[in-house]
Amino acid sequence: MTALAWLIPAALVLGALGLAAFLWALKTGQFEDLEGASYRALEDDPPDDDVGRG
């Protein structure tokens, strides 16, 4: 019975943290361009950076 006294508050705290993280991601625009990331992952062209050249 004492395990429930720890598990229920822990579950509520973790759920609140998950909800806060989701709302933060929603507020900062993390879900704005869902299709763009999938197209960039499939793109065959290398990036246009000059790292490691000359």
PDB file of N, CA and C in Angstrom:
ATOM      1  N   MET A   1       0.808  -1.196   0.000  1.00  0.00           N
ATOM      2  CA  MET A   1       0.000   0.000   0.000  1.00  0.00           C
ATOM      3  C   MET A   1       0.854   1.265   0.000  1.00  0.00           C
ATOM      4  N   THR A   2       2.031   1.203   0.625  1.00  0.00           N
ATOM      5  CA  THR A   2       2.886   2.389   0.632  1.00  0.00           C
ATOM      6  C   THR A   2       3.494   2.645  -0.749  1.00  0.00           C
ATOM      7  N   ALA A   3       3.545   1.587  -1.573  1.00  0.00           N
ATOM      8  CA  ALA A   3       4.063   1.786  -2.928  1.00  0.00           C
ATOM      9  C   ALA A   3       3.146   2.708  -3.727  1.00  0.00           C
ATOM     10  N   LEU A   4       1.845   2.606  -3.503  1.00  0.00           N
ATOM     11  CA  LEU A   4       0.907   3.491  -4.200  1.00  0.00           C
ATOM     12  C   LEU A   4       1.081   4.938  -3.772  1.00  0.00           C
ATOM     13  N   ALA A   5       1.507   5.146  -2.540  1.00  0.00           N
ATOM     14  CA  ALA A   5       1.737   6.509  -2.064  1.00  0.00           C
ATOM     15  C   ALA A   5       2.892   7.164  -2.803  1.00  0.00           C
ATOM     16  N   TRP A   6       3.802   6.381  -3.349  1.00  0.00           N
ATOM     17  CA  TRP A   6       4.904   6.906  -4.153  1.00  0.00           C
ATOM     18  C   TRP A   6       4.601   6.888  -5.638  1.00  0.00           C
ATOM     19  N   LEU A   7       3.939   5.846  -6.110  1.00  0.00           N
ATOM     20  CA  LEU A   7       3.734   5.684  -7.542  1.00  0.00           C
ATOM     21  C   LEU A   7       2.713   6.658  -8.120  1.00  0.00           C
ATOM     22  N   ILE A   8       1.649   6.924  -7.410  1.00  0.00           N
ATOM     23  CA  ILE A   8       0.627   7.828  -7.937  1.00  0.00           C
ATOM     24  C   ILE A   8       1.160   9.261  -8.074  1.00  0.00           C
ATOM     25  N   PRO A   9       1.803   9.832  -7.053  1.00  0.00           N
ATOM     26  CA  PRO A   9       2.373  11.176  -7.255  1.00  0.00           C
ATOM     27  C   PRO A   9       3.480  11.199  -8.315  1.00  0.00           C
ATOM     28  N   ALA A  10       4.277  10.138  -8.380  1.00  0.00           N
ATOM     29  CA  ALA A  10       5.332  10.098  -9.397  1.00  0.00           C
ATOM     30  C   ALA A  10       4.732  10.075 -10.795  1.00  0.00           C
ATOM     31  N   ALA A  11       3.658   9.320 -10.987  1.00  0.00           N
ATOM     32  CA  ALA A  11       2.995   9.276 -12.289  1.00  0.00           C
ATOM     33  C   ALA A  11       2.390  10.625 -12.640  1.00  0.00           C
ATOM     34  N   LEU A  12       1.819  11.303 -11.667  1.00  0.00           N
ATOM     35  CA  LEU A  12       1.248  12.626 -11.921  1.00  0.00           C
ATOM     36  C   LEU A  12       2.321  13.654 -12.270  1.00  0.00           C
ATOM     37  N   VAL A  13       3.446  13.595 -11.576  1.00  0.00           N
ATOM     38  CA  VAL A  13       4.540  14.528 -11.864  1.00  0.00           C
ATOM     39  C   VAL A  13       5.120  14.261 -13.258  1.00  0.00           C
ATOM     40  N   LEU A  14       5.340  13.002 -13.593  1.00  0.00           N
ATOM     41  CA  LEU A  14       5.878  12.691 -14.922  1.00  0.00           C
ATOM     42  C   LEU A  14       4.898  13.060 -16.026  1.00  0.00           C
ATOM     43  N   GLY A  15       3.624  12.864 -15.782  1.00  0.00           N
ATOM     44  CA  GLY A  15       2.618  13.273 -16.766  1.00  0.00           C
ATOM     45  C   GLY A  15       2.597  14.781 -16.955  1.00  0.00           C
ATOM     46  N   ALA A  16       2.726  15.522 -15.859  1.00  0.00           N
ATOM     47  CA  ALA A  16       2.769  16.982 -15.951  1.00  0.00           C
ATOM     48  C   ALA A  16       4.020  17.454 -16.680  1.00  0.00           C
ATOM     49  N   LEU A  17       5.148  16.797 -16.451  1.00  0.00           N
ATOM     50  CA  LEU A  17       6.378  17.153 -17.174  1.00  0.00           C
ATOM     51  C   LEU A  17       6.241  16.873 -18.669  1.00  0.00           C
ATOM     52  N   GLY A  18       5.631  15.758 -19.013  1.00  0.00           N
ATOM     53  CA  GLY A  18       5.406  15.442 -20.423  1.00  0.00           C
ATOM     54  C   GLY A  18       4.481  16.442 -21.082  1.00  0.00           C
ATOM     55  N   LEU A  19       3.425  16.835 -20.386  1.00  0.00           N
ATOM     56  CA  LEU A  19       2.501  17.839 -20.918  1.00  0.00           C
ATOM     57  C   LEU A  19       3.195  19.180 -21.075  1.00  0.00           C
ATOM     58  N   ALA A  20       4.019  19.560 -20.101  1.00  0.00           N
ATOM     59  CA  ALA A  20       4.753  20.820 -20.199  1.00  0.00           C
ATOM     60  C   ALA A  20       5.728  20.803 -21.367  1.00  0.00           C
ATOM     61  N   ALA A  21       6.404  19.686 -21.590  1.00  0.00           N
ATOM     62  CA  ALA A  21       7.335  19.584 -22.718  1.00  0.00           C
ATOM     63  C   ALA A  21       6.590  19.662 -24.047  1.00  0.00           C
ATOM     64  N   PHE A  22       5.430  19.030 -24.136  1.00  0.00           N
ATOM     65  CA  PHE A  22       4.639  19.096 -25.359  1.00  0.00           C
ATOM     66  C   PHE A  22       4.152  20.518 -25.615  1.00  0.00           C
ATOM     67  N   LEU A  23       3.662  21.194 -24.589  1.00  0.00           N
ATOM     68  CA  LEU A  23       3.188  22.561 -24.773  1.00  0.00           C
ATOM     69  C   LEU A  23       4.330  23.506 -25.129  1.00  0.00           C
ATOM     70  N   TRP A  24       5.517  23.289 -24.568  1.00  0.00           N
ATOM     71  CA  TRP A  24       6.678  24.100 -24.932  1.00  0.00           C
ATOM     72  C   TRP A  24       7.035  23.891 -26.396  1.00  0.00           C
ATOM     73  N   ALA A  25       7.032  22.630 -26.855  1.00  0.00           N
ATOM     74  CA  ALA A  25       7.355  22.350 -28.251  1.00  0.00           C
ATOM     75  C   ALA A  25       6.306  22.953 -29.177  1.00  0.00           C
ATOM     76  N   LEU A  26       5.070  22.926 -28.772  1.00  0.00           N
ATOM     77  CA  LEU A  26       4.000  23.520 -29.569  1.00  0.00           C
ATOM     78  C   LEU A  26       4.150  25.029 -29.642  1.00  0.00           C
ATOM     79  N   LYS A  27       4.515  25.650 -28.517  1.00  0.00           N
ATOM     80  CA  LYS A  27       4.661  27.099 -28.462  1.00  0.00           C
ATOM     81  C   LYS A  27       5.855  27.590 -29.276  1.00  0.00           C
ATOM     82  N   THR A  28       6.941  26.827 -29.294  1.00  0.00           N
ATOM     83  CA  THR A  28       8.149  27.262 -30.002  1.00  0.00           C
ATOM     84  C   THR A  28       8.147  26.887 -31.478  1.00  0.00           C
ATOM     85  N   GLY A  29       7.060  26.285 -31.968  1.00  0.00           N
ATOM     86  CA  GLY A  29       6.938  26.028 -33.393  1.00  0.00           C
ATOM     87  C   GLY A  29       7.635  24.774 -33.885  1.00  0.00           C
ATOM     88  N   GLN A  30       7.797  23.789 -33.054  1.00  0.00           N
ATOM     89  CA  GLN A  30       8.471  22.568 -33.460  1.00  0.00           C
ATOM     90  C   GLN A  30       7.654  21.739 -34.441  1.00  0.00           C
ATOM     91  N   PHE A  31       6.350  21.980 -34.516  1.00  0.00           N
ATOM     92  CA  PHE A  31       5.481  21.186 -35.367  1.00  0.00           C
ATOM     93  C   PHE A  31       4.996  21.972 -36.586  1.00  0.00           C
ATOM     94  N   GLU A  32       5.676  23.032 -36.958  1.00  0.00           N
ATOM     95  CA  GLU A  32       5.231  23.874 -38.056  1.00  0.00           C
ATOM     96  C   GLU A  32       5.484  23.246 -39.429  1.00  0.00           C
ATOM     97  N   ASP A  33       6.646  22.666 -39.649  1.00  0.00           N
ATOM     98  CA  ASP A  33       7.012  22.145 -40.969  1.00  0.00           C
ATOM     99  C   ASP A  33       7.276  20.650 -40.877  1.00  0.00           C
ATOM    100  N   LEU A  34       6.219  19.868 -40.830  1.00  0.00           N
ATOM    101  CA  LEU A  34       6.379  18.427 -40.680  1.00  0.00           C
ATOM    102  C   LEU A  34       6.811  17.756 -41.980  1.00  0.00           C
ATOM    103  N   GLU A  35       6.383  18.276 -43.117  1.00  0.00           N
ATOM    104  CA  GLU A  35       6.737  17.656 -44.390  1.00  0.00           C
ATOM    105  C   GLU A  35       8.144  18.028 -44.845  1.00  0.00           C
ATOM    106  N   GLY A  36       8.617  19.190 -44.482  1.00  0.00           N
ATOM    107  CA  GLY A  36       9.935  19.631 -44.915  1.00  0.00           C
ATOM    108  C   GLY A  36      11.051  18.749 -44.377  1.00  0.00           C
ATOM    109  N   ALA A  37      10.949  18.329 -43.144  1.00  0.00           N
ATOM    110  CA  ALA A  37      11.983  17.484 -42.555  1.00  0.00           C
ATOM    111  C   ALA A  37      12.037  16.126 -43.238  1.00  0.00           C
ATOM    112  N   SER A  38      10.895  15.600 -43.628  1.00  0.00           N
ATOM    113  CA  SER A  38      10.901  14.298 -44.300  1.00  0.00           C
ATOM    114  C   SER A  38      11.497  14.412 -45.700  1.00  0.00           C
ATOM    115  N   TYR A  39      11.278  15.526 -46.382  1.00  0.00           N
ATOM    116  CA  TYR A  39      11.886  15.700 -47.703  1.00  0.00           C
ATOM    117  C   TYR A  39      13.390  15.910 -47.591  1.00  0.00           C
ATOM    118  N   ARG A  40      13.837  16.624 -46.569  1.00  0.00           N
ATOM    119  CA  ARG A  40      15.275  16.831 -46.385  1.00  0.00           C
ATOM    120  C   ARG A  40      15.987  15.526 -46.046  1.00  0.00           C
ATOM    121  N   ALA A  41      15.309  14.613 -45.378  1.00  0.00           N
ATOM    122  CA  ALA A  41      15.924  13.332 -45.036  1.00  0.00           C
ATOM    123  C   ALA A  41      16.114  12.469 -46.275  1.00  0.00           C
ATOM    124  N   LEU A  42      15.253  12.630 -47.269  1.00  0.00           N
ATOM    125  CA  LEU A  42      15.335  11.817 -48.486  1.00  0.00           C
ATOM    126  C   LEU A  42      16.144  12.474 -49.596  1.00  0.00           C
ATOM    127  N   GLU A  43      16.582  13.685 -49.396  1.00  0.00           N
ATOM    128  CA  GLU A  43      17.300  14.434 -50.421  1.00  0.00           C
ATOM    129  C   GLU A  43      18.656  13.796 -50.705  1.00  0.00           C
ATOM    130  N   ASP A  44      19.002  13.655 -51.971  1.00  0.00           N
ATOM    131  CA  ASP A  44      20.250  13.019 -52.360  1.00  0.00           C
ATOM    132  C   ASP A  44      21.432  13.985 -52.429  1.00  0.00           C
ATOM    133  N   ASP A  45      21.175  15.255 -52.577  1.00  0.00           N
ATOM    134  CA  ASP A  45      22.250  16.227 -52.721  1.00  0.00           C
ATOM    135  C   ASP A  45      22.975  16.424 -51.395  1.00  0.00           C
ATOM    136  N   PRO A  46      24.315  16.503 -51.429  1.00  0.00           N
ATOM    137  CA  PRO A  46      25.056  16.783 -50.186  1.00  0.00           C
ATOM    138  C   PRO A  46      24.822  18.229 -49.758  1.00  0.00           C
ATOM    139  N   PRO A  47      25.039  18.544 -48.506  1.00  0.00           N
ATOM    140  CA  PRO A  47      24.869  19.936 -48.058  1.00  0.00           C
ATOM    141  C   PRO A  47      25.895  20.845 -48.716  1.00  0.00           C
ATOM    142  N   ASP A  48      25.582  22.121 -48.819  1.00  0.00           N
ATOM    143  CA  ASP A  48      26.432  23.096 -49.516  1.00  0.00           C
ATOM    144  C   ASP A  48      27.443  23.764 -48.604  1.00  0.00           C
ATOM    145  N   ASP A  49      27.917  23.099 -47.580  1.00  0.00           N
ATOM    146  CA  ASP A  49      28.898  23.695 -46.694  1.00  0.00           C
ATOM    147  C   ASP A  49      30.313  23.402 -47.178  1.00  0.00           C
ATOM    148  N   ASP A  50      31.246  24.212 -46.738  1.00  0.00           N
ATOM    149  CA  ASP A  50      32.648  24.068 -47.162  1.00  0.00           C
ATOM    150  C   ASP A  50      33.495  23.447 -46.064  1.00  0.00           C
ATOM    151  N   VAL A  51      32.929  22.649 -45.222  1.00  0.00           N
ATOM    152  CA  VAL A  51      33.671  22.044 -44.121  1.00  0.00           C
ATOM    153  C   VAL A  51      34.619  20.980 -44.680  1.00  0.00           C
ATOM    154  N   GLY A  52      35.872  21.042 -44.316  1.00  0.00           N
ATOM    155  CA  GLY A  52      36.841  20.047 -44.728  1.00  0.00           C
ATOM    156  C   GLY A  52      37.454  20.280 -46.098  1.00  0.00           C
ATOM    157  N   ARG A  53      37.119  21.382 -46.733  1.00  0.00           N
ATOM    158  CA  ARG A  53      37.678  21.670 -48.052  1.00  0.00           C
ATOM    159  C   ARG A  53      38.736  22.761 -47.935  1.00  0.00           C
ATOM    160  N   GLY A  54      39.856  22.520 -48.565  1.00  0.00           N
ATOM    161  CA  GLY A  54      40.897  23.425 -48.786  1.00  0.00           C
ATOM    162  C   GLY A  54      41.471  24.270 -47.803  1.00  0.00           C
TER     163      GLY A  54
END
